[in-house]
Amino acid sequence: MSRAPFRLSALHAIELYLNALLLHRGYSASRLRGLQHDFAERARQAAERGLVLRRRTTQHLKTVAATREYVVTRYGPEMTASASHVTRLSATLDEVAEKVRMIVARPG
């Protein structure tokens, strides 16, 4: 429970990085809102637009979506015992952040 603020911030940051990439690559804001907090679909759409993540990271994002980890972390942090380990969450955030930054910063 003491790591709930970190979890929520990390998950939100991952979502925002994926959003930034999708918007950068022409995805509409209204369509993006329709994804709600589906990390797997965001990652799939980002992959179609050039984001290459490690297999383990992609699987983690699918698990986050399947377990509704964002919603649980935000509204029921006492239920995060089965949530991602914070080191896995940090690794996913680091990879997504670095790879999205490289794509968005690339000219043209």
N, C-alpha and C. Protein backbone atom coordinates (compact mmCIF):
# COMPACT_ATOMS: atom_id res chain seq x y z
N MET A 1 0.82 -1.19 0.00
CA MET A 1 0.00 0.00 0.00
C MET A 1 0.87 1.26 0.00
N SER A 2 2.02 1.20 0.67
CA SER A 2 2.87 2.38 0.76
C SER A 2 3.45 2.77 -0.60
N ARG A 3 3.43 1.84 -1.57
CA ARG A 3 3.96 2.13 -2.90
C ARG A 3 2.86 2.56 -3.87
N ALA A 4 1.63 2.69 -3.40
CA ALA A 4 0.50 3.04 -4.27
C ALA A 4 0.72 4.35 -5.03
N PRO A 5 1.22 5.41 -4.39
CA PRO A 5 1.45 6.64 -5.15
C PRO A 5 2.47 6.45 -6.28
N PHE A 6 3.52 5.67 -5.99
CA PHE A 6 4.51 5.39 -7.04
C PHE A 6 3.86 4.61 -8.18
N ARG A 7 3.10 3.57 -7.83
CA ARG A 7 2.45 2.75 -8.85
C ARG A 7 1.56 3.60 -9.76
N LEU A 8 0.72 4.43 -9.13
CA LEU A 8 -0.20 5.25 -9.90
C LEU A 8 0.56 6.22 -10.80
N SER A 9 1.59 6.84 -10.27
CA SER A 9 2.38 7.79 -11.07
C SER A 9 3.09 7.09 -12.22
N ALA A 10 3.65 5.92 -11.97
CA ALA A 10 4.35 5.17 -13.02
C ALA A 10 3.38 4.72 -14.11
N LEU A 11 2.24 4.19 -13.70
CA LEU A 11 1.25 3.76 -14.69
C LEU A 11 0.74 4.93 -15.52
N HIS A 12 0.49 6.03 -14.85
CA HIS A 12 0.02 7.22 -15.56
C HIS A 12 1.08 7.73 -16.54
N ALA A 13 2.33 7.72 -16.12
CA ALA A 13 3.41 8.16 -17.00
C ALA A 13 3.53 7.25 -18.23
N ILE A 14 3.42 5.95 -18.03
CA ILE A 14 3.48 5.02 -19.16
C ILE A 14 2.35 5.34 -20.14
N GLU A 15 1.17 5.53 -19.60
CA GLU A 15 0.01 5.86 -20.44
C GLU A 15 0.24 7.17 -21.20
N LEU A 16 0.78 8.17 -20.53
CA LEU A 16 1.04 9.45 -21.19
C LEU A 16 2.11 9.35 -22.27
N TYR A 17 3.15 8.57 -22.04
CA TYR A 17 4.16 8.38 -23.08
C TYR A 17 3.56 7.70 -24.30
N LEU A 18 2.76 6.67 -24.08
CA LEU A 18 2.12 5.99 -25.22
C LEU A 18 1.17 6.95 -25.94
N ASN A 19 0.44 7.75 -25.17
CA ASN A 19 -0.45 8.75 -25.77
C ASN A 19 0.34 9.74 -26.62
N ALA A 20 1.46 10.21 -26.11
CA ALA A 20 2.28 11.17 -26.84
C ALA A 20 2.73 10.61 -28.18
N LEU A 21 3.15 9.36 -28.17
CA LEU A 21 3.58 8.74 -29.42
C LEU A 21 2.42 8.62 -30.39
N LEU A 22 1.29 8.16 -29.89
CA LEU A 22 0.14 7.99 -30.78
C LEU A 22 -0.31 9.33 -31.36
N LEU A 23 -0.37 10.35 -30.54
CA LEU A 23 -0.74 11.68 -31.05
C LEU A 23 0.30 12.18 -32.05
N HIS A 24 1.56 11.96 -31.76
CA HIS A 24 2.64 12.38 -32.65
C HIS A 24 2.52 11.70 -34.02
N ARG A 25 2.02 10.48 -34.02
CA ARG A 25 1.88 9.71 -35.26
C ARG A 25 0.49 9.82 -35.87
N GLY A 26 -0.29 10.82 -35.45
CA GLY A 26 -1.55 11.11 -36.13
C GLY A 26 -2.81 10.48 -35.55
N TYR A 27 -2.70 9.82 -34.45
CA TYR A 27 -3.87 9.22 -33.81
C TYR A 27 -4.74 10.35 -33.27
N SER A 28 -6.03 10.30 -33.44
CA SER A 28 -6.88 11.40 -32.99
C SER A 28 -7.09 11.35 -31.48
N ALA A 29 -7.25 12.52 -30.90
CA ALA A 29 -7.44 12.62 -29.45
C ALA A 29 -8.74 11.94 -29.02
N SER A 30 -9.79 12.06 -29.82
CA SER A 30 -11.06 11.44 -29.44
C SER A 30 -10.95 9.91 -29.48
N ARG A 31 -10.24 9.39 -30.45
CA ARG A 31 -10.04 7.94 -30.53
C ARG A 31 -9.19 7.47 -29.34
N LEU A 32 -8.22 8.28 -28.99
CA LEU A 32 -7.34 7.96 -27.86
C LEU A 32 -8.14 7.87 -26.56
N ARG A 33 -9.04 8.82 -26.36
CA ARG A 33 -9.88 8.80 -25.15
C ARG A 33 -10.73 7.54 -25.10
N GLY A 34 -11.13 7.04 -26.25
CA GLY A 34 -11.94 5.83 -26.31
C GLY A 34 -11.21 4.59 -25.83
N LEU A 35 -9.89 4.65 -25.76
CA LEU A 35 -9.13 3.50 -25.27
C LEU A 35 -9.20 3.35 -23.76
N GLN A 36 -9.70 4.38 -23.09
CA GLN A 36 -9.75 4.43 -21.63
C GLN A 36 -8.36 4.12 -21.07
N HIS A 37 -8.22 3.11 -20.23
CA HIS A 37 -6.90 2.80 -19.66
C HIS A 37 -6.40 1.45 -20.17
N ASP A 38 -6.66 1.17 -21.44
CA ASP A 38 -6.25 -0.11 -22.03
C ASP A 38 -4.79 -0.02 -22.50
N PHE A 39 -3.90 -0.43 -21.63
CA PHE A 39 -2.47 -0.35 -21.92
C PHE A 39 -2.08 -1.28 -23.07
N ALA A 40 -2.72 -2.43 -23.16
CA ALA A 40 -2.40 -3.39 -24.21
C ALA A 40 -2.74 -2.82 -25.58
N GLU A 41 -3.90 -2.22 -25.70
CA GLU A 41 -4.31 -1.64 -26.99
C GLU A 41 -3.45 -0.43 -27.34
N ARG A 42 -3.13 0.38 -26.35
CA ARG A 42 -2.23 1.52 -26.61
C ARG A 42 -0.88 1.02 -27.12
N ALA A 43 -0.35 -0.01 -26.47
CA ALA A 43 0.95 -0.56 -26.88
C ALA A 43 0.85 -1.16 -28.29
N ARG A 44 -0.25 -1.83 -28.58
CA ARG A 44 -0.43 -2.43 -29.92
C ARG A 44 -0.49 -1.33 -30.98
N GLN A 45 -1.26 -0.30 -30.70
CA GLN A 45 -1.37 0.82 -31.65
C GLN A 45 -0.02 1.53 -31.81
N ALA A 46 0.71 1.69 -30.71
CA ALA A 46 2.03 2.32 -30.77
C ALA A 46 3.00 1.46 -31.57
N ALA A 47 2.91 0.15 -31.41
CA ALA A 47 3.78 -0.76 -32.17
C ALA A 47 3.50 -0.64 -33.66
N GLU A 48 2.24 -0.49 -34.02
CA GLU A 48 1.89 -0.31 -35.44
C GLU A 48 2.45 1.00 -35.98
N ARG A 49 2.78 1.91 -35.09
CA ARG A 49 3.30 3.22 -35.49
C ARG A 49 4.79 3.36 -35.19
N GLY A 50 5.46 2.23 -35.02
CA GLY A 50 6.91 2.25 -34.95
C GLY A 50 7.56 2.00 -33.61
N LEU A 51 6.79 1.84 -32.54
CA LEU A 51 7.39 1.59 -31.23
C LEU A 51 7.73 0.11 -31.09
N VAL A 52 9.00 -0.18 -30.87
CA VAL A 52 9.44 -1.56 -30.71
C VAL A 52 9.86 -1.76 -29.26
N LEU A 53 9.06 -2.53 -28.55
CA LEU A 53 9.34 -2.83 -27.15
C LEU A 53 9.81 -4.27 -27.02
N ARG A 54 10.54 -4.53 -25.94
CA ARG A 54 10.95 -5.90 -25.67
C ARG A 54 9.71 -6.75 -25.43
N ARG A 55 9.83 -8.03 -25.71
CA ARG A 55 8.71 -8.95 -25.55
C ARG A 55 8.18 -8.93 -24.10
N ARG A 56 9.10 -8.90 -23.16
CA ARG A 56 8.71 -8.90 -21.74
C ARG A 56 7.93 -7.63 -21.37
N THR A 57 8.32 -6.51 -21.95
CA THR A 57 7.62 -5.25 -21.68
C THR A 57 6.22 -5.28 -22.30
N THR A 58 6.13 -5.78 -23.51
CA THR A 58 4.82 -5.90 -24.16
C THR A 58 3.91 -6.81 -23.35
N GLN A 59 4.45 -7.91 -22.88
CA GLN A 59 3.66 -8.83 -22.05
C GLN A 59 3.22 -8.17 -20.75
N HIS A 60 4.10 -7.38 -20.17
CA HIS A 60 3.74 -6.68 -18.94
C HIS A 60 2.57 -5.73 -19.18
N LEU A 61 2.60 -5.00 -20.28
CA LEU A 61 1.51 -4.07 -20.59
C LEU A 61 0.19 -4.82 -20.82
N LYS A 62 0.27 -6.00 -21.40
CA LYS A 62 -0.93 -6.82 -21.58
C LYS A 62 -1.47 -7.26 -20.22
N THR A 63 -0.57 -7.62 -19.32
CA THR A 63 -0.98 -8.04 -17.98
C THR A 63 -1.60 -6.87 -17.22
N VAL A 64 -1.00 -5.70 -17.34
CA VAL A 64 -1.54 -4.49 -16.69
C VAL A 64 -2.97 -4.25 -17.17
N ALA A 65 -3.19 -4.42 -18.46
CA ALA A 65 -4.53 -4.22 -19.01
C ALA A 65 -5.49 -5.30 -18.54
N ALA A 66 -5.06 -6.54 -18.58
CA ALA A 66 -5.93 -7.67 -18.22
C ALA A 66 -6.35 -7.63 -16.76
N THR A 67 -5.46 -7.18 -15.90
CA THR A 67 -5.76 -7.14 -14.47
C THR A 67 -6.35 -5.79 -14.03
N ARG A 68 -6.49 -4.87 -14.99
CA ARG A 68 -7.02 -3.53 -14.72
C ARG A 68 -6.22 -2.86 -13.60
N GLU A 69 -4.91 -3.01 -13.70
CA GLU A 69 -4.02 -2.54 -12.63
C GLU A 69 -4.13 -1.04 -12.39
N TYR A 70 -4.32 -0.26 -13.43
CA TYR A 70 -4.45 1.19 -13.27
C TYR A 70 -5.65 1.51 -12.39
N VAL A 71 -6.79 0.91 -12.72
CA VAL A 71 -8.03 1.19 -11.98
C VAL A 71 -7.91 0.71 -10.53
N VAL A 72 -7.35 -0.48 -10.34
CA VAL A 72 -7.17 -1.02 -8.99
C VAL A 72 -6.24 -0.12 -8.19
N THR A 73 -5.16 0.31 -8.80
CA THR A 73 -4.19 1.16 -8.10
C THR A 73 -4.81 2.50 -7.74
N ARG A 74 -5.62 3.03 -8.63
CA ARG A 74 -6.21 4.34 -8.38
C ARG A 74 -7.35 4.29 -7.36
N TYR A 75 -8.23 3.31 -7.51
CA TYR A 75 -9.43 3.31 -6.68
C TYR A 75 -9.43 2.28 -5.55
N GLY A 76 -8.55 1.30 -5.60
CA GLY A 76 -8.51 0.30 -4.55
C GLY A 76 -7.09 -0.10 -4.23
N PRO A 77 -6.25 0.84 -3.82
CA PRO A 77 -4.83 0.53 -3.61
C PRO A 77 -4.59 -0.56 -2.58
N GLU A 78 -5.57 -0.81 -1.72
CA GLU A 78 -5.41 -1.89 -0.75
C GLU A 78 -5.43 -3.26 -1.42
N MET A 79 -5.85 -3.31 -2.68
CA MET A 79 -5.93 -4.57 -3.42
C MET A 79 -4.74 -4.78 -4.36
N THR A 80 -3.66 -4.05 -4.18
CA THR A 80 -2.53 -4.13 -5.11
C THR A 80 -1.53 -5.22 -4.76
N ALA A 81 -1.88 -6.12 -3.87
CA ALA A 81 -0.95 -7.19 -3.50
C ALA A 81 -0.55 -8.04 -4.71
N SER A 82 -1.46 -8.20 -5.65
CA SER A 82 -1.17 -9.01 -6.84
C SER A 82 -0.70 -8.16 -8.02
N ALA A 83 -0.51 -6.87 -7.81
CA ALA A 83 -0.09 -5.96 -8.87
C ALA A 83 1.38 -6.19 -9.24
N SER A 84 1.78 -5.57 -10.31
CA SER A 84 3.16 -5.66 -10.78
C SER A 84 4.14 -5.30 -9.68
N HIS A 85 5.26 -5.99 -9.67
CA HIS A 85 6.32 -5.63 -8.74
C HIS A 85 6.85 -4.26 -9.16
N VAL A 86 7.23 -3.44 -8.22
CA VAL A 86 7.65 -2.08 -8.55
C VAL A 86 8.88 -2.05 -9.45
N THR A 87 9.76 -3.04 -9.36
CA THR A 87 10.91 -3.04 -10.26
C THR A 87 10.48 -3.32 -11.70
N ARG A 88 9.48 -4.18 -11.89
CA ARG A 88 8.96 -4.46 -13.24
C ARG A 88 8.28 -3.21 -13.79
N LEU A 89 7.53 -2.54 -12.94
CA LEU A 89 6.85 -1.31 -13.34
C LEU A 89 7.87 -0.24 -13.72
N SER A 90 8.93 -0.12 -12.94
CA SER A 90 9.99 0.86 -13.25
C SER A 90 10.69 0.52 -14.57
N ALA A 91 10.95 -0.75 -14.79
CA ALA A 91 11.61 -1.16 -16.03
C ALA A 91 10.73 -0.86 -17.23
N THR A 92 9.44 -1.11 -17.11
CA THR A 92 8.52 -0.82 -18.21
C THR A 92 8.48 0.68 -18.48
N LEU A 93 8.36 1.47 -17.42
CA LEU A 93 8.35 2.92 -17.57
C LEU A 93 9.63 3.41 -18.23
N ASP A 94 10.77 2.95 -17.77
CA ASP A 94 12.06 3.38 -18.34
C ASP A 94 12.14 3.06 -19.83
N GLU A 95 11.75 1.84 -20.20
CA GLU A 95 11.85 1.46 -21.61
C GLU A 95 10.88 2.26 -22.47
N VAL A 96 9.64 2.37 -22.04
CA VAL A 96 8.65 3.12 -22.82
C VAL A 96 9.10 4.58 -22.96
N ALA A 97 9.53 5.18 -21.86
CA ALA A 97 9.95 6.58 -21.90
C ALA A 97 11.10 6.80 -22.86
N GLU A 98 12.12 5.97 -22.77
CA GLU A 98 13.29 6.14 -23.63
C GLU A 98 12.95 5.95 -25.10
N LYS A 99 12.21 4.92 -25.41
CA LYS A 99 11.92 4.62 -26.81
C LYS A 99 10.95 5.61 -27.43
N VAL A 100 9.98 6.08 -26.65
CA VAL A 100 9.06 7.10 -27.16
C VAL A 100 9.81 8.41 -27.38
N ARG A 101 10.66 8.78 -26.44
CA ARG A 101 11.45 10.02 -26.60
C ARG A 101 12.29 9.99 -27.87
N MET A 102 12.90 8.84 -28.15
CA MET A 102 13.74 8.73 -29.35
C MET A 102 12.89 8.90 -30.62
N ILE A 103 11.70 8.34 -30.64
CA ILE A 103 10.84 8.45 -31.83
C ILE A 103 10.32 9.89 -31.99
N VAL A 104 9.83 10.46 -30.91
CA VAL A 104 9.24 11.80 -30.99
C VAL A 104 10.29 12.85 -31.30
N ALA A 105 11.50 12.68 -30.80
CA ALA A 105 12.57 13.66 -31.02
C ALA A 105 13.19 13.54 -32.42
N ARG A 106 12.96 12.45 -33.10
CA ARG A 106 13.53 12.23 -34.42
C ARG A 106 12.93 13.22 -35.42
N PRO A 107 13.76 13.90 -36.18
CA PRO A 107 13.23 14.83 -37.18
C PRO A 107 12.46 14.10 -38.29
N GLY A 108 11.43 14.78 -38.77
CA GLY A 108 10.67 14.27 -39.91
C GLY A 108 9.76 13.23 -39.52
